[in-house]
Amino acid sequence: MLVVSIPVSFRQSGGKKQIVVPDGADDWQPSRPRCDNSLINALAKAYCWRRSIETGLYASAAELSHRDGINESYVCRVLRMTLLAPDIVEAILDGRQPKTLELKGLLKPFPTEMGAQRAHFGFA
C-alpha cells in the first residue's frame, strides 16, 4: 500500500473553501488547460467554410472570400486547418496544445501526414 501525504490547509474565501498549498509546493499541481480562443475561432471558421463549400453554398474559396469580403489567401490558409490530425484538433479545443503552438504557425504550410504534423507542431 502506498500512502501519499501532501501538506495543505483550507481557507474560507467568499463563501467557498479554498485549498492552500505551502510555499514552493506549486510545482506538483497539474497545469490548467490553456484554451487559445484565436486557435479555436480559426478552427471553427475553417470547418464552417469547408462545410459551406462542400454543401454548395459557395462554389470555391475564391467565391467565399469575395462574397464575405475576406482575403482569398487568408481563407485558403484557414481552410488548410481542416487537414489537421483529429487528435491535434481535439488538443486545441481542450487547451492541451503545446505552449509554442500559435495561430500564425498553423497558417503556414504544414505536413499533411498526421505523424509528421505531430512532430512539426510539437505533439510527439
Protein backbone atom coordinates (compact mmCIF):
# COMPACT_ATOMS: atom_id res chain seq x y z
CA MET A 1 0.00 0.00 0.00
CA LEU A 2 1.29 3.45 -0.93
CA VAL A 3 0.39 6.50 1.13
CA VAL A 4 0.94 9.98 -0.28
CA SER A 5 0.95 12.88 2.14
CA ILE A 6 0.61 16.46 0.91
CA PRO A 7 0.65 19.31 3.43
CA VAL A 8 -2.32 21.61 2.74
CA SER A 9 -4.57 23.93 4.66
CA PHE A 10 -8.08 25.15 3.96
CA ARG A 11 -9.18 28.76 3.84
CA GLN A 12 -12.70 30.21 3.68
CA SER A 13 -12.90 32.77 0.89
CA GLY A 14 -16.14 34.38 -0.23
CA GLY A 15 -18.30 31.52 0.94
CA LYS A 16 -16.07 28.93 -0.73
CA LYS A 17 -13.43 26.71 0.77
CA GLN A 18 -10.07 27.00 -0.91
CA ILE A 19 -7.10 24.64 -0.65
CA VAL A 20 -3.88 26.45 0.19
CA VAL A 21 -0.60 24.67 -0.53
CA PRO A 22 2.64 25.61 1.21
CA ASP A 23 5.13 27.95 -0.49
CA GLY A 24 7.19 26.16 -3.11
CA ALA A 25 4.68 23.36 -3.50
CA ASP A 26 3.03 24.80 -6.61
CA ASP A 27 5.17 22.52 -8.78
CA TRP A 28 3.09 19.41 -8.03
CA GLN A 29 -0.17 20.88 -9.31
CA PRO A 30 -1.07 19.92 -12.87
CA SER A 31 -1.10 22.87 -15.22
CA ARG A 32 -4.51 24.12 -16.24
CA PRO A 33 -5.55 23.81 -19.86
CA ARG A 34 -4.69 26.90 -21.87
CA CYS A 35 -7.56 27.45 -24.29
CA ASP A 36 -6.45 29.75 -27.09
CA ASN A 37 -9.54 31.48 -28.44
CA SER A 38 -7.79 32.58 -31.64
CA LEU A 39 -6.96 28.95 -32.48
CA ILE A 40 -10.46 27.76 -31.58
CA ASN A 41 -12.12 30.53 -33.62
CA ALA A 42 -9.91 29.78 -36.63
CA LEU A 43 -10.76 26.07 -36.42
CA ALA A 44 -14.47 26.92 -36.22
CA LYS A 45 -14.18 29.18 -39.29
CA ALA A 46 -12.23 26.53 -41.18
CA TYR A 47 -14.82 23.82 -40.65
CA CYS A 48 -17.72 26.22 -41.28
CA TRP A 49 -16.17 27.45 -44.53
CA ARG A 50 -15.38 23.88 -45.62
CA ARG A 51 -18.98 22.87 -44.99
CA SER A 52 -20.18 25.91 -46.97
CA ILE A 53 -18.09 24.82 -49.95
CA GLU A 54 -18.95 21.11 -49.65
CA THR A 55 -22.70 21.79 -49.46
CA GLY A 56 -22.58 24.09 -52.49
CA LEU A 57 -23.38 27.32 -50.65
CA TYR A 58 -20.15 28.61 -52.19
CA ALA A 59 -18.53 27.14 -55.29
CA SER A 60 -14.95 27.81 -54.18
CA ALA A 61 -12.74 29.54 -51.66
CA ALA A 62 -12.44 32.42 -54.11
CA GLU A 63 -16.23 32.89 -54.20
CA LEU A 64 -16.47 32.60 -50.43
CA SER A 65 -13.75 35.20 -49.91
CA HIS A 66 -15.32 37.56 -52.47
CA ARG A 67 -18.85 37.35 -51.03
CA ASP A 68 -17.68 37.66 -47.41
CA GLY A 69 -15.10 40.38 -48.14
CA ILE A 70 -12.20 38.30 -46.84
CA ASN A 71 -8.77 37.94 -48.42
CA GLU A 72 -8.74 34.75 -50.52
CA SER A 73 -5.26 33.82 -49.35
CA TYR A 74 -6.40 34.00 -45.71
CA VAL A 75 -9.44 31.81 -46.46
CA CYS A 76 -7.22 29.17 -48.09
CA ARG A 77 -4.73 29.22 -45.21
CA VAL A 78 -7.53 28.84 -42.64
CA LEU A 79 -9.20 26.08 -44.68
CA ARG A 80 -5.91 24.16 -44.55
CA MET A 81 -6.55 23.72 -40.80
CA THR A 82 -9.26 21.16 -41.66
CA LEU A 83 -6.39 18.84 -42.67
CA LEU A 84 -5.04 18.69 -39.09
CA ALA A 85 -4.94 15.32 -37.37
CA PRO A 86 -8.08 14.77 -35.25
CA ASP A 87 -6.05 14.44 -32.05
CA ILE A 88 -4.37 17.80 -32.70
CA VAL A 89 -7.76 19.45 -33.22
CA GLU A 90 -9.05 17.83 -30.02
CA ALA A 91 -5.98 19.00 -28.07
CA ILE A 92 -6.50 22.58 -29.30
CA LEU A 93 -10.19 22.52 -28.34
CA ASP A 94 -9.31 21.10 -24.90
CA GLY A 95 -6.50 23.63 -24.36
CA ARG A 96 -3.83 20.91 -24.28
CA GLN A 97 -1.78 22.18 -27.24
CA PRO A 98 1.93 22.92 -26.76
CA LYS A 99 2.63 26.43 -25.50
CA THR A 100 4.57 27.13 -28.68
CA LEU A 101 1.60 26.44 -30.97
CA GLU A 102 0.11 29.71 -32.20
CA LEU A 103 -2.29 30.66 -34.98
CA LYS A 104 0.46 32.17 -37.14
CA GLY A 105 2.21 28.79 -37.11
CA LEU A 106 -0.95 26.97 -38.18
CA LEU A 107 -1.49 29.39 -41.06
CA LYS A 108 1.88 28.45 -42.56
CA PRO A 109 2.24 25.31 -44.70
CA PHE A 110 2.48 22.13 -42.63
CA PRO A 111 2.80 18.41 -43.45
CA THR A 112 -0.38 16.59 -44.46
CA GLU A 113 0.75 13.26 -42.95
CA MET A 114 -0.59 13.06 -39.39
CA GLY A 115 2.57 11.69 -37.77
CA ALA A 116 4.64 14.42 -39.40
CA GLN A 117 2.11 17.00 -38.18
CA ARG A 118 2.50 15.82 -34.59
CA ALA A 119 6.28 16.17 -34.82
CA HIS A 120 6.04 19.51 -36.67
CA PHE A 121 3.76 21.10 -34.04
CA GLY A 122 5.48 19.55 -31.02
CA PHE A 123 2.93 16.86 -30.08
CA ALA A 124 5.33 13.93 -30.45
